[in-house]
Every structure is written in C-alpha cells, then in structure tokens.
PDB file of N, CA and C in Angstrom:
ATOM      1  N   UNK A   1     -42.898 153.693  20.738  1.00  0.00           N
ATOM      2  CA  UNK A   1     -43.618 152.527  21.209  1.00  0.00           C
ATOM      3  C   UNK A   1     -44.713 152.202  20.207  1.00  0.00           C
ATOM      4  N   UNK A   2     -44.881 150.920  19.837  1.00  0.00           N
ATOM      5  CA  UNK A   2     -45.884 150.536  18.860  1.00  0.00           C
ATOM      6  C   UNK A   2     -47.293 150.798  19.363  1.00  0.00           C
ATOM      7  N   UNK A   3     -48.214 150.955  18.434  1.00  0.00           N
ATOM      8  CA  UNK A   3     -49.590 151.274  18.791  1.00  0.00           C
ATOM      9  C   UNK A   3     -50.407 150.060  19.185  1.00  0.00           C
ATOM     10  N   UNK A   4     -49.989 148.876  18.803  1.00  0.00           N
ATOM     11  CA  UNK A   4     -50.815 147.706  19.095  1.00  0.00           C
ATOM     12  C   UNK A   4     -50.047 146.700  19.936  1.00  0.00           C
ATOM     13  N   UNK A   5     -50.772 145.997  20.759  1.00  0.00           N
ATOM     14  CA  UNK A   5     -50.212 144.930  21.571  1.00  0.00           C
ATOM     15  C   UNK A   5     -50.619 143.593  20.977  1.00  0.00           C
ATOM     16  N   UNK A   6     -49.721 142.650  20.991  1.00  0.00           N
ATOM     17  CA  UNK A   6     -50.028 141.311  20.505  1.00  0.00           C
ATOM     18  C   UNK A   6     -50.102 140.414  21.725  1.00  0.00           C
ATOM     19  N   UNK A   7     -51.295 139.939  22.059  1.00  0.00           N
ATOM     20  CA  UNK A   7     -51.491 139.138  23.259  1.00  0.00           C
ATOM     21  C   UNK A   7     -51.756 137.691  22.878  1.00  0.00           C
ATOM     22  N   UNK A   8     -51.292 136.799  23.717  1.00  0.00           N
ATOM     23  CA  UNK A   8     -51.498 135.375  23.476  1.00  0.00           C
ATOM     24  C   UNK A   8     -52.307 134.764  24.611  1.00  0.00           C
ATOM     25  N   UNK A   9     -53.560 134.450  24.350  1.00  0.00           N
ATOM     26  CA  UNK A   9     -54.432 133.713  25.271  1.00  0.00           C
ATOM     27  C   UNK A   9     -54.510 134.301  26.682  1.00  0.00           C
ATOM     28  N   UNK A  10     -54.701 135.595  26.810  1.00  0.00           N
ATOM     29  CA  UNK A  10     -54.862 136.273  28.092  1.00  0.00           C
ATOM     30  C   UNK A  10     -53.695 135.999  29.038  1.00  0.00           C
ATOM     31  N   UNK A  11     -52.530 135.787  28.510  1.00  0.00           N
ATOM     32  CA  UNK A  11     -51.330 135.555  29.298  1.00  0.00           C
ATOM     33  C   UNK A  11     -50.951 136.840  30.025  1.00  0.00           C
ATOM     34  N   UNK A  12     -50.154 136.753  31.072  1.00  0.00           N
ATOM     35  CA  UNK A  12     -49.740 137.938  31.803  1.00  0.00           C
ATOM     36  C   UNK A  12     -48.545 138.631  31.179  1.00  0.00           C
ATOM     37  N   UNK A  13     -47.910 138.001  30.221  1.00  0.00           N
ATOM     38  CA  UNK A  13     -46.777 138.623  29.548  1.00  0.00           C
ATOM     39  C   UNK A  13     -47.164 138.903  28.111  1.00  0.00           C
ATOM     40  N   UNK A  14     -46.956 140.113  27.664  1.00  0.00           N
ATOM     41  CA  UNK A  14     -47.343 140.533  26.328  1.00  0.00           C
ATOM     42  C   UNK A  14     -46.106 140.956  25.557  1.00  0.00           C
ATOM     43  N   UNK A  15     -46.151 140.777  24.262  1.00  0.00           N
ATOM     44  CA  UNK A  15     -45.000 141.092  23.436  1.00  0.00           C
ATOM     45  C   UNK A  15     -45.308 142.274  22.529  1.00  0.00           C
ATOM     46  N   UNK A  16     -44.434 143.247  22.507  1.00  0.00           N
ATOM     47  CA  UNK A  16     -44.536 144.361  21.570  1.00  0.00           C
ATOM     48  C   UNK A  16     -43.167 144.562  20.962  1.00  0.00           C
ATOM     49  N   UNK A  17     -43.073 144.347  19.681  1.00  0.00           N
ATOM     50  CA  UNK A  17     -41.812 144.543  18.966  1.00  0.00           C
ATOM     51  C   UNK A  17     -40.642 143.840  19.642  1.00  0.00           C
ATOM     52  N   UNK A  18     -40.752 142.613  19.904  1.00  0.00           N
ATOM     53  CA  UNK A  18     -39.702 141.711  20.383  1.00  0.00           C
ATOM     54  C   UNK A  18     -39.223 141.964  21.819  1.00  0.00           C
ATOM     55  N   UNK A  19     -39.943 142.737  22.631  1.00  0.00           N
ATOM     56  CA  UNK A  19     -39.628 142.769  24.048  1.00  0.00           C
ATOM     57  C   UNK A  19     -40.911 142.560  24.835  1.00  0.00           C
ATOM     58  N   UNK A  20     -40.782 142.029  26.013  1.00  0.00           N
ATOM     59  CA  UNK A  20     -41.948 141.623  26.792  1.00  0.00           C
ATOM     60  C   UNK A  20     -42.332 142.667  27.822  1.00  0.00           C
ATOM     61  N   UNK A  21     -43.644 142.750  28.020  1.00  0.00           N
ATOM     62  CA  UNK A  21     -44.189 143.639  29.033  1.00  0.00           C
ATOM     63  C   UNK A  21     -45.051 142.813  29.969  1.00  0.00           C
ATOM     64  N   UNK A  22     -44.977 143.119  31.242  1.00  0.00           N
ATOM     65  CA  UNK A  22     -45.764 142.426  32.253  1.00  0.00           C
ATOM     66  C   UNK A  22     -46.996 143.248  32.568  1.00  0.00           C
ATOM     67  N   UNK A  23     -48.146 142.578  32.634  1.00  0.00           N
ATOM     68  CA  UNK A  23     -49.394 143.275  32.933  1.00  0.00           C
ATOM     69  C   UNK A  23     -49.588 143.391  34.435  1.00  0.00           C
ATOM     70  N   UNK A  24     -49.878 144.607  34.870  1.00  0.00           N
ATOM     71  CA  UNK A  24     -50.221 144.864  36.271  1.00  0.00           C
ATOM     72  C   UNK A  24     -51.709 145.181  36.286  1.00  0.00           C
ATOM     73  N   UNK A  25     -52.490 144.279  36.845  1.00  0.00           N
ATOM     74  CA  UNK A  25     -53.940 144.437  36.878  1.00  0.00           C
ATOM     75  C   UNK A  25     -54.325 145.569  37.812  1.00  0.00           C
ATOM     76  N   UNK A  26     -55.443 146.223  37.521  1.00  0.00           N
ATOM     77  CA  UNK A  26     -55.926 147.322  38.349  1.00  0.00           C
ATOM     78  C   UNK A  26     -56.152 146.844  39.776  1.00  0.00           C
ATOM     79  N   UNK A  27     -55.752 147.666  40.707  1.00  0.00           N
ATOM     80  CA  UNK A  27     -55.866 147.304  42.120  1.00  0.00           C
ATOM     81  C   UNK A  27     -56.868 148.200  42.828  1.00  0.00           C
ATOM     82  N   UNK A  28     -56.519 149.447  43.033  1.00  0.00           N
ATOM     83  CA  UNK A  28     -57.418 150.362  43.729  1.00  0.00           C
ATOM     84  C   UNK A  28     -57.551 151.672  42.969  1.00  0.00           C
ATOM     85  N   UNK A  29     -57.500 151.619  41.661  1.00  0.00           N
ATOM     86  CA  UNK A  29     -57.534 152.839  40.869  1.00  0.00           C
ATOM     87  C   UNK A  29     -58.849 152.969  40.124  1.00  0.00           C
ATOM     88  N   UNK A  30     -59.455 154.133  40.226  1.00  0.00           N
ATOM     89  CA  UNK A  30     -60.661 154.406  39.448  1.00  0.00           C
ATOM     90  C   UNK A  30     -60.315 154.890  38.044  1.00  0.00           C
ATOM     91  N   UNK A  31     -59.086 155.363  37.854  1.00  0.00           N
ATOM     92  CA  UNK A  31     -58.685 155.931  36.569  1.00  0.00           C
ATOM     93  C   UNK A  31     -57.984 154.924  35.659  1.00  0.00           C
ATOM     94  N   UNK A  32     -57.149 154.061  36.229  1.00  0.00           N
ATOM     95  CA  UNK A  32     -56.360 153.114  35.430  1.00  0.00           C
ATOM     96  C   UNK A  32     -57.033 151.753  35.364  1.00  0.00           C
ATOM     97  N   UNK A  33     -57.153 151.221  34.159  1.00  0.00           N
ATOM     98  CA  UNK A  33     -57.654 149.862  33.993  1.00  0.00           C
ATOM     99  C   UNK A  33     -56.538 148.865  34.287  1.00  0.00           C
ATOM    100  N   UNK A  34     -55.391 149.054  33.669  1.00  0.00           N
ATOM    101  CA  UNK A  34     -54.216 148.240  33.937  1.00  0.00           C
ATOM    102  C   UNK A  34     -52.997 148.955  33.379  1.00  0.00           C
ATOM    103  N   UNK A  35     -51.827 148.454  33.776  1.00  0.00           N
ATOM    104  CA  UNK A  35     -50.565 149.017  33.315  1.00  0.00           C
ATOM    105  C   UNK A  35     -49.694 147.864  32.828  1.00  0.00           C
ATOM    106  N   UNK A  36     -49.063 148.052  31.682  1.00  0.00           N
ATOM    107  CA  UNK A  36     -48.073 147.106  31.170  1.00  0.00           C
ATOM    108  C   UNK A  36     -46.711 147.737  31.401  1.00  0.00           C
ATOM    109  N   UNK A  37     -45.794 146.992  32.022  1.00  0.00           N
ATOM    110  CA  UNK A  37     -44.473 147.530  32.306  1.00  0.00           C
ATOM    111  C   UNK A  37     -43.387 146.625  31.749  1.00  0.00           C
ATOM    112  N   UNK A  38     -42.286 147.224  31.378  1.00  0.00           N
ATOM    113  CA  UNK A  38     -41.100 146.490  30.961  1.00  0.00           C
ATOM    114  C   UNK A  38     -39.954 146.928  31.851  1.00  0.00           C
ATOM    115  N   UNK A  39     -39.548 146.045  32.747  1.00  0.00           N
ATOM    116  CA  UNK A  39     -38.433 146.340  33.637  1.00  0.00           C
ATOM    117  C   UNK A  39     -37.146 146.454  32.833  1.00  0.00           C
ATOM    118  N   UNK A  40     -37.002 145.641  31.810  1.00  0.00           N
ATOM    119  CA  UNK A  40     -35.808 145.650  30.976  1.00  0.00           C
ATOM    120  C   UNK A  40     -35.649 146.959  30.209  1.00  0.00           C
ATOM    121  N   UNK A  41     -36.718 147.451  29.615  1.00  0.00           N
ATOM    122  CA  UNK A  41     -36.665 148.658  28.789  1.00  0.00           C
ATOM    123  C   UNK A  41     -36.971 149.948  29.549  1.00  0.00           C
ATOM    124  N   UNK A  42     -37.528 149.841  30.757  1.00  0.00           N
ATOM    125  CA  UNK A  42     -37.880 151.043  31.511  1.00  0.00           C
ATOM    126  C   UNK A  42     -39.051 151.779  30.888  1.00  0.00           C
ATOM    127  N   UNK A  43     -40.057 151.019  30.438  1.00  0.00           N
ATOM    128  CA  UNK A  43     -41.230 151.621  29.807  1.00  0.00           C
ATOM    129  C   UNK A  43     -42.504 151.158  30.499  1.00  0.00           C
ATOM    130  N   UNK A  44     -43.560 151.945  30.328  1.00  0.00           N
ATOM    131  CA  UNK A  44     -44.872 151.601  30.869  1.00  0.00           C
ATOM    132  C   UNK A  44     -45.941 152.051  29.879  1.00  0.00           C
ATOM    133  N   UNK A  45     -46.963 151.242  29.735  1.00  0.00           N
ATOM    134  CA  UNK A  45     -48.107 151.566  28.895  1.00  0.00           C
ATOM    135  C   UNK A  45     -49.335 151.529  29.788  1.00  0.00           C
ATOM    136  N   UNK A  46     -49.983 152.675  29.957  1.00  0.00           N
ATOM    137  CA  UNK A  46     -51.138 152.790  30.850  1.00  0.00           C
ATOM    138  C   UNK A  46     -52.414 152.680  30.025  1.00  0.00           C
ATOM    139  N   UNK A  47     -53.310 151.803  30.444  1.00  0.00           N
ATOM    140  CA  UNK A  47     -54.627 151.651  29.830  1.00  0.00           C
ATOM    141  C   UNK A  47     -55.628 152.286  30.796  1.00  0.00           C
ATOM    142  N   UNK A  48     -56.259 153.372  30.354  1.00  0.00           N
ATOM    143  CA  UNK A  48     -57.190 154.113  31.197  1.00  0.00           C
ATOM    144  C   UNK A  48     -58.581 153.498  31.153  1.00  0.00           C
ATOM    145  N   UNK A  49     -59.378 153.722  32.186  1.00  0.00           N
ATOM    146  CA  UNK A  49     -60.760 153.229  32.239  1.00  0.00           C
ATOM    147  C   UNK A  49     -61.580 153.800  31.088  1.00  0.00           C
ATOM    148  N   UNK A  50     -61.238 154.989  30.637  1.00  0.00           N
ATOM    149  CA  UNK A  50     -61.970 155.632  29.545  1.00  0.00           C
ATOM    150  C   UNK A  50     -61.682 154.995  28.189  1.00  0.00           C
ATOM    151  N   UNK A  51     -60.691 154.093  28.141  1.00  0.00           N
ATOM    152  CA  UNK A  51     -60.354 153.424  26.889  1.00  0.00           C
ATOM    153  C   UNK A  51     -59.095 153.954  26.232  1.00  0.00           C
ATOM    154  N   UNK A  52     -58.576 155.055  26.705  1.00  0.00           N
ATOM    155  CA  UNK A  52     -57.360 155.614  26.141  1.00  0.00           C
ATOM    156  C   UNK A  52     -56.111 154.915  26.655  1.00  0.00           C
ATOM    157  N   UNK A  53     -54.998 155.143  25.975  1.00  0.00           N
ATOM    158  CA  UNK A  53     -53.714 154.600  26.409  1.00  0.00           C
ATOM    159  C   UNK A  53     -52.669 155.711  26.377  1.00  0.00           C
ATOM    160  N   UNK A  54     -51.629 155.536  27.182  1.00  0.00           N
ATOM    161  CA  UNK A  54     -50.527 156.486  27.177  1.00  0.00           C
ATOM    162  C   UNK A  54     -49.240 155.719  27.434  1.00  0.00           C
ATOM    163  N   UNK A  55     -48.238 155.939  26.612  1.00  0.00           N
ATOM    164  CA  UNK A  55     -46.959 155.248  26.735  1.00  0.00           C
ATOM    165  C   UNK A  55     -45.938 156.159  27.410  1.00  0.00           C
ATOM    166  N   UNK A  56     -45.240 155.616  28.394  1.00  0.00           N
ATOM    167  CA  UNK A  56     -44.187 156.335  29.101  1.00  0.00           C
ATOM    168  C   UNK A  56     -42.851 155.657  28.802  1.00  0.00           C
ATOM    169  N   UNK A  57     -41.825 156.444  28.552  1.00  0.00           N
ATOM    170  CA  UNK A  57     -40.481 155.900  28.393  1.00  0.00           C
ATOM    171  C   UNK A  57     -39.596 156.494  29.485  1.00  0.00           C
ATOM    172  N   UNK A  58     -38.426 155.925  29.651  1.00  0.00           N
ATOM    173  CA  UNK A  58     -37.468 156.365  30.671  1.00  0.00           C
ATOM    174  C   UNK A  58     -38.072 156.341  32.073  1.00  0.00           C
ATOM    175  N   UNK A  59     -38.857 155.299  32.342  1.00  0.00           N
ATOM    176  CA  UNK A  59     -39.462 155.110  33.658  1.00  0.00           C
ATOM    177  C   UNK A  59     -38.407 154.491  34.573  1.00  0.00           C
ATOM    178  N   UNK A  60     -38.337 154.944  35.799  1.00  0.00           N
ATOM    179  CA  UNK A  60     -37.388 154.405  36.761  1.00  0.00           C
ATOM    180  C   UNK A  60     -37.606 152.907  36.932  1.00  0.00           C
ATOM    181  N   UNK A  61     -36.554 152.132  36.744  1.00  0.00           N
ATOM    182  CA  UNK A  61     -36.659 150.675  36.921  1.00  0.00           C
ATOM    183  C   UNK A  61     -36.933 150.325  38.384  1.00  0.00           C
ATOM    184  N   UNK A  62     -36.451 151.148  39.285  1.00  0.00           N
ATOM    185  CA  UNK A  62     -36.736 150.946  40.700  1.00  0.00           C
ATOM    186  C   UNK A  62     -38.230 151.133  40.970  1.00  0.00           C
ATOM    187  N   UNK A  63     -38.848 152.127  40.326  1.00  0.00           N
ATOM    188  CA  UNK A  63     -40.290 152.356  40.485  1.00  0.00           C
ATOM    189  C   UNK A  63     -41.088 151.199  39.882  1.00  0.00           C
ATOM    190  N   UNK A  64     -40.643 150.694  38.733  1.00  0.00           N
ATOM    191  CA  UNK A  64     -41.327 149.552  38.113  1.00  0.00           C
ATOM    192  C   UNK A  64     -41.230 148.330  39.012  1.00  0.00           C
ATOM    193  N   UNK A  65     -40.042 148.055  39.538  1.00  0.00           N
ATOM    194  CA  UNK A  65     -39.867 146.910  40.429  1.00  0.00           C
ATOM    195  C   UNK A  65     -40.711 147.065  41.688  1.00  0.00           C
ATOM    196  N   UNK A  66     -40.786 148.275  42.216  1.00  0.00           N
ATOM    197  CA  UNK A  66     -41.618 148.535  43.393  1.00  0.00           C
ATOM    198  C   UNK A  66     -43.087 148.249  43.090  1.00  0.00           C
ATOM    199  N   UNK A  67     -43.549 148.633  41.912  1.00  0.00           N
ATOM    200  CA  UNK A  67     -44.935 148.363  41.516  1.00  0.00           C
ATOM    201  C   UNK A  67     -45.191 146.867  41.399  1.00  0.00           C
ATOM    202  N   UNK A  68     -44.258 146.139  40.808  1.00  0.00           N
ATOM    203  CA  UNK A  68     -44.406 144.690  40.640  1.00  0.00           C
ATOM    204  C   UNK A  68     -44.424 143.986  41.993  1.00  0.00           C
ATOM    205  N   UNK A  69     -43.555 144.408  42.896  1.00  0.00           N
ATOM    206  CA  UNK A  69     -43.400 143.711  44.172  1.00  0.00           C
ATOM    207  C   UNK A  69     -44.434 144.111  45.224  1.00  0.00           C
ATOM    208  N   UNK A  70     -45.083 145.252  45.067  1.00  0.00           N
ATOM    209  CA  UNK A  70     -46.034 145.739  46.064  1.00  0.00           C
ATOM    210  C   UNK A  70     -47.463 145.615  45.529  1.00  0.00           C
ATOM    211  N   UNK A  71     -48.168 144.521  45.857  1.00  0.00           N
ATOM    212  CA  UNK A  71     -49.506 144.299  45.302  1.00  0.00           C
ATOM    213  C   UNK A  71     -50.581 145.247  45.841  1.00  0.00           C
ATOM    214  N   UNK A  72     -50.261 146.039  46.842  1.00  0.00           N
ATOM    215  CA  UNK A  72     -51.254 146.944  47.427  1.00  0.00           C
ATOM    216  C   UNK A  72     -51.119 148.381  46.921  1.00  0.00           C
ATOM    217  N   UNK A  73     -50.154 148.629  46.042  1.00  0.00           N
ATOM    218  CA  UNK A  73     -49.938 149.981  45.531  1.00  0.00           C
ATOM    219  C   UNK A  73     -51.015 150.342  44.506  1.00  0.00           C
ATOM    220  N   UNK A  74     -51.578 151.515  44.634  1.00  0.00           N
ATOM    221  CA  UNK A  74     -52.574 152.005  43.692  1.00  0.00           C
ATOM    222  C   UNK A  74     -51.906 152.345  42.360  1.00  0.00           C
ATOM    223  N   UNK A  75     -52.498 151.910  41.263  1.00  0.00           N
ATOM    224  CA  UNK A  75     -51.952 152.224  39.952  1.00  0.00           C
ATOM    225  C   UNK A  75     -52.040 153.713  39.658  1.00  0.00           C
ATOM    226  N   UNK A  76     -53.118 154.333  40.072  1.00  0.00           N
ATOM    227  CA  UNK A  76     -53.281 155.764  39.858  1.00  0.00           C
ATOM    228  C   UNK A  76     -52.212 156.565  40.561  1.00  0.00           C
ATOM    229  N   UNK A  77     -51.907 156.196  41.811  1.00  0.00           N
ATOM    230  CA  UNK A  77     -50.844 156.875  42.555  1.00  0.00           C
ATOM    231  C   UNK A  77     -49.496 156.647  41.885  1.00  0.00           C
ATOM    232  N   UNK A  78     -49.262 155.424  41.400  1.00  0.00           N
ATOM    233  CA  UNK A  78     -47.982 155.106  40.765  1.00  0.00           C
ATOM    234  C   UNK A  78     -47.799 155.913  39.482  1.00  0.00           C
ATOM    235  N   UNK A  79     -48.858 156.017  38.673  1.00  0.00           N
ATOM    236  CA  UNK A  79     -48.770 156.752  37.417  1.00  0.00           C
ATOM    237  C   UNK A  79     -48.549 158.232  37.670  1.00  0.00           C
ATOM    238  N   UNK A  80     -49.183 158.784  38.696  1.00  0.00           N
ATOM    239  CA  UNK A  80     -49.070 160.211  38.974  1.00  0.00           C
ATOM    240  C   UNK A  80     -47.780 160.583  39.700  1.00  0.00           C
ATOM    241  N   UNK A  81     -47.057 159.603  40.204  1.00  0.00           N
ATOM    242  CA  UNK A  81     -45.815 159.906  40.948  1.00  0.00           C
ATOM    243  C   UNK A  81     -44.687 160.280  40.026  1.00  0.00           C
TER     244      UNK A  81
END
C-alpha cells in the first residue's frame, strides 16, 4: 500500500495508486481519527488520533460493507475485531 494519499478538495473518495478508497469519519472512537476502506480491494487504512497510520490488507469485504452501512458502529471496535 502506498505511503501517501492523494486527496481532491476534501472529497469523501480518495485515490491511491488508481483505486478508490472511501473515508469513514470517526464516530465514537477515541483512538481512531478516521478509516479509509476499499470494498473492491478488501483494504483499510486506519488514521489514529496520535497521527500514525496502519494499512490492513485482506480485510473481509462483508466487514467493510457492514462498516459503511452501519453509521453507529465504533471505528475502534471495528478495527479491533
């Protein structure tokens, strides 16, 4: 996964190396600032409140879809599951 994200005008969809990631804004998490997910690629990029990032691959597409569709799910709980 590339180290940098290319964002266009605070849009909700971000592009990294020719595939798109959807931004999931922080909901009820003290640890996660936001999460970028790609349902197509099965990847997630977690942006922590401390400023660090962590890239996950081979993420369950069902879990990603559940996160997108459930606006009340905690990002911290989702990342730790």
